[in-house]
Amino acid sequence: MEDNSVFKTKTGYCHVLPDNIVLTREGAIGQAAEAVAGNNIARPLALYGLFTAGLAYLAYDYYLQANYGLTGFFSLLVVLLAYGILRSLNNSAQPVLDRKHIQRVSFRPGLPGLTRAHFEVTFLDARGKQKKRLIMLPGSLSDGKAETEKAVSIMRAEKLLS
């Protein structure tokens, strides 16, 4: 395995191999991500769903109290969280992606101070369903700009990113 085909991610490293892309989790952040999500996205989405249901209850309770300002605020939060959950249903936390099943890799630059840069890898899972794997890159506090440039150059060199 060549060291120049490895780049840092938010929770560990991404190894771009000739036949696979392998995501490993390292350090405290990686261990926390492993404990919360594992290799399945269902657990975090269920927690978000419970949180959304709690906010919906608060919105309804404030509506009954005729506090329409807080009703509107919590209703907006419920709609935004429900939209995020629905968009994330097709996501995967699979750590090993077979390159022959990868359909597309796209790069999304981050907004400084607001969002992280990331890759969206669209692939077919073992059941033939189209899934999306996000590869989150390091943020600005951990040399994010240099690591992002390295990651993009590796993905281009491996002909995964056009």
Protein backbone atom coordinates (compact mmCIF):
# COMPACT_ATOMS: atom_id res chain seq x y z
CA MET A 1 0.00 0.00 0.00
CA GLU A 2 1.45 3.33 -1.02
CA ASP A 3 1.49 6.05 1.60
CA ASN A 4 0.66 8.67 -1.04
CA SER A 5 -2.80 7.16 -1.62
CA VAL A 6 -3.91 7.88 1.96
CA PHE A 7 -5.51 11.09 3.17
CA LYS A 8 -6.91 12.29 6.45
CA THR A 9 -10.66 12.42 7.09
CA LYS A 10 -12.71 13.90 9.92
CA THR A 11 -12.59 10.66 11.96
CA GLY A 12 -9.54 8.83 10.61
CA TYR A 13 -8.02 8.03 7.23
CA CYS A 14 -9.14 7.10 3.72
CA HIS A 15 -6.99 4.54 1.90
CA VAL A 16 -7.52 4.59 -1.88
CA LEU A 17 -6.44 1.14 -3.09
CA PRO A 18 -6.54 -0.30 -6.63
CA ASP A 19 -9.69 -2.35 -5.89
CA ASN A 20 -11.21 -0.69 -2.79
CA ILE A 21 -11.62 2.51 -0.86
CA VAL A 22 -11.11 1.76 2.83
CA LEU A 23 -12.13 4.21 5.55
CA THR A 24 -10.53 3.69 8.96
CA ARG A 25 -11.41 5.39 12.21
CA GLU A 26 -8.62 6.62 14.46
CA GLY A 27 -8.35 8.49 17.74
CA ALA A 28 -11.05 9.70 20.10
CA ILE A 29 -13.30 11.13 17.38
CA GLY A 30 -13.15 7.88 15.41
CA GLN A 31 -13.95 5.80 18.49
CA ALA A 32 -16.91 8.05 19.29
CA ALA A 33 -18.17 7.73 15.70
CA GLU A 34 -17.79 3.94 15.91
CA ALA A 35 -19.75 3.82 19.17
CA VAL A 36 -22.60 6.01 17.88
CA ALA A 37 -22.99 4.84 14.29
CA GLY A 38 -20.95 1.68 13.80
CA ASN A 39 -21.34 0.69 10.16
CA ASN A 40 -25.07 1.43 10.08
CA ILE A 41 -26.77 4.79 9.64
CA ALA A 42 -30.09 3.62 11.19
CA ARG A 43 -29.15 4.30 14.83
CA PRO A 44 -28.29 8.00 14.40
CA LEU A 45 -31.36 8.51 12.20
CA ALA A 46 -33.56 6.90 14.87
CA LEU A 47 -32.12 9.28 17.47
CA TYR A 48 -32.78 12.24 15.16
CA GLY A 49 -36.32 10.94 14.67
CA LEU A 50 -36.93 10.80 18.43
CA PHE A 51 -35.54 14.30 18.83
CA THR A 52 -37.79 15.51 15.99
CA ALA A 53 -40.83 13.88 17.61
CA GLY A 54 -39.98 15.66 20.89
CA LEU A 55 -39.77 18.99 19.08
CA ALA A 56 -43.10 18.27 17.36
CA TYR A 57 -44.64 17.66 20.77
CA LEU A 58 -43.23 20.97 22.03
CA ALA A 59 -44.63 22.78 18.98
CA TYR A 60 -48.06 21.25 19.61
CA ASP A 61 -47.91 22.10 23.32
CA TYR A 62 -47.02 25.73 22.56
CA TYR A 63 -49.86 25.82 20.02
CA LEU A 64 -52.32 24.74 22.73
CA GLN A 65 -50.96 27.53 24.95
CA ALA A 66 -51.53 30.03 22.10
CA ASN A 67 -47.80 30.85 21.97
CA TYR A 68 -47.62 31.07 18.18
CA GLY A 69 -44.06 32.43 18.00
CA LEU A 70 -42.55 29.35 19.64
CA THR A 71 -45.02 27.14 17.76
CA GLY A 72 -43.70 28.47 14.47
CA PHE A 73 -40.06 28.19 15.58
CA PHE A 74 -40.36 24.56 16.71
CA SER A 75 -42.48 23.67 13.67
CA LEU A 76 -39.75 25.04 11.41
CA LEU A 77 -37.15 22.96 13.27
CA VAL A 78 -39.33 19.86 12.88
CA VAL A 79 -39.66 20.41 9.13
CA LEU A 80 -35.92 20.98 8.69
CA LEU A 81 -34.95 17.93 10.75
CA ALA A 82 -37.52 15.71 8.99
CA TYR A 83 -36.15 16.87 5.63
CA GLY A 84 -32.61 16.03 6.77
CA ILE A 85 -33.69 12.58 7.95
CA LEU A 86 -35.44 11.83 4.65
CA ARG A 87 -32.38 12.95 2.68
CA SER A 88 -30.12 10.76 4.82
CA LEU A 89 -32.10 7.52 4.46
CA ASN A 90 -29.99 6.54 1.44
CA ASN A 91 -26.67 7.22 3.19
CA SER A 92 -24.31 4.45 4.22
CA ALA A 93 -21.56 4.14 6.84
CA GLN A 94 -19.92 1.21 5.04
CA PRO A 95 -16.13 1.34 5.66
CA VAL A 96 -15.03 -0.61 2.56
CA LEU A 97 -16.25 0.47 -0.89
CA ASP A 98 -15.53 -1.81 -3.84
CA ARG A 99 -14.29 0.41 -6.68
CA LYS A 100 -16.09 -1.61 -9.36
CA HIS A 101 -19.43 -0.75 -7.70
CA ILE A 102 -18.70 2.99 -7.46
CA GLN A 103 -20.88 4.93 -9.88
CA ARG A 104 -19.78 8.48 -9.15
CA VAL A 105 -17.57 10.51 -6.84
CA SER A 106 -18.24 14.21 -6.45
CA PHE A 107 -16.46 16.82 -4.36
CA ARG A 108 -18.35 19.39 -2.33
CA PRO A 109 -16.20 22.27 -1.05
CA GLY A 110 -16.90 23.51 2.44
CA LEU A 111 -17.88 27.01 3.43
CA PRO A 112 -15.17 28.37 5.76
CA GLY A 113 -16.41 28.33 9.34
CA LEU A 114 -19.78 26.79 8.38
CA THR A 115 -19.42 23.41 6.66
CA ARG A 116 -16.72 20.85 5.94
CA ALA A 117 -15.52 19.86 2.52
CA HIS A 118 -16.52 16.30 1.64
CA PHE A 119 -16.74 13.70 -1.09
CA GLU A 120 -20.04 12.07 -2.00
CA VAL A 121 -19.45 8.53 -3.25
CA THR A 122 -22.47 6.98 -5.00
CA PHE A 123 -22.24 3.18 -5.20
CA LEU A 124 -24.26 -0.02 -5.36
CA ASP A 125 -24.41 -2.04 -2.14
CA ALA A 126 -24.48 -5.85 -1.85
CA ARG A 127 -28.23 -5.89 -2.58
CA GLY A 128 -27.84 -3.74 -5.69
CA LYS A 129 -29.37 -0.65 -4.07
CA GLN A 130 -27.86 2.74 -4.81
CA LYS A 131 -26.31 4.25 -1.67
CA LYS A 132 -24.31 7.35 -0.86
CA ARG A 133 -21.22 7.42 1.37
CA LEU A 134 -19.98 10.77 2.62
CA ILE A 135 -16.25 11.12 3.20
CA MET A 136 -15.94 14.13 5.48
CA LEU A 137 -12.60 15.93 5.31
CA PRO A 138 -10.85 17.64 8.24
CA GLY A 139 -12.03 21.06 9.35
CA SER A 140 -10.12 24.32 9.44
CA LEU A 141 -8.73 23.67 12.93
CA SER A 142 -6.88 20.52 11.82
CA ASP A 143 -5.09 21.76 8.65
CA GLY A 144 -8.24 21.23 6.59
CA LYS A 145 -7.23 23.24 3.53
CA ALA A 146 -3.98 21.33 2.93
CA GLU A 147 -5.64 17.97 3.62
CA THR A 148 -8.51 18.83 1.28
CA GLU A 149 -6.09 19.70 -1.53
CA LYS A 150 -4.21 16.43 -0.92
CA ALA A 151 -7.46 14.42 -0.94
CA VAL A 152 -8.68 16.02 -4.18
CA SER A 153 -5.33 15.38 -5.89
CA ILE A 154 -5.37 11.71 -4.78
CA MET A 155 -8.94 11.21 -6.03
CA ARG A 156 -8.03 12.82 -9.37
CA ALA A 157 -4.85 10.74 -9.69
CA GLU A 158 -6.90 7.58 -9.05
CA LYS A 159 -9.37 8.73 -11.75
CA LEU A 160 -12.28 8.70 -9.31
CA LEU A 161 -12.87 12.43 -9.56
CA SER A 162 -12.96 14.24 -12.88
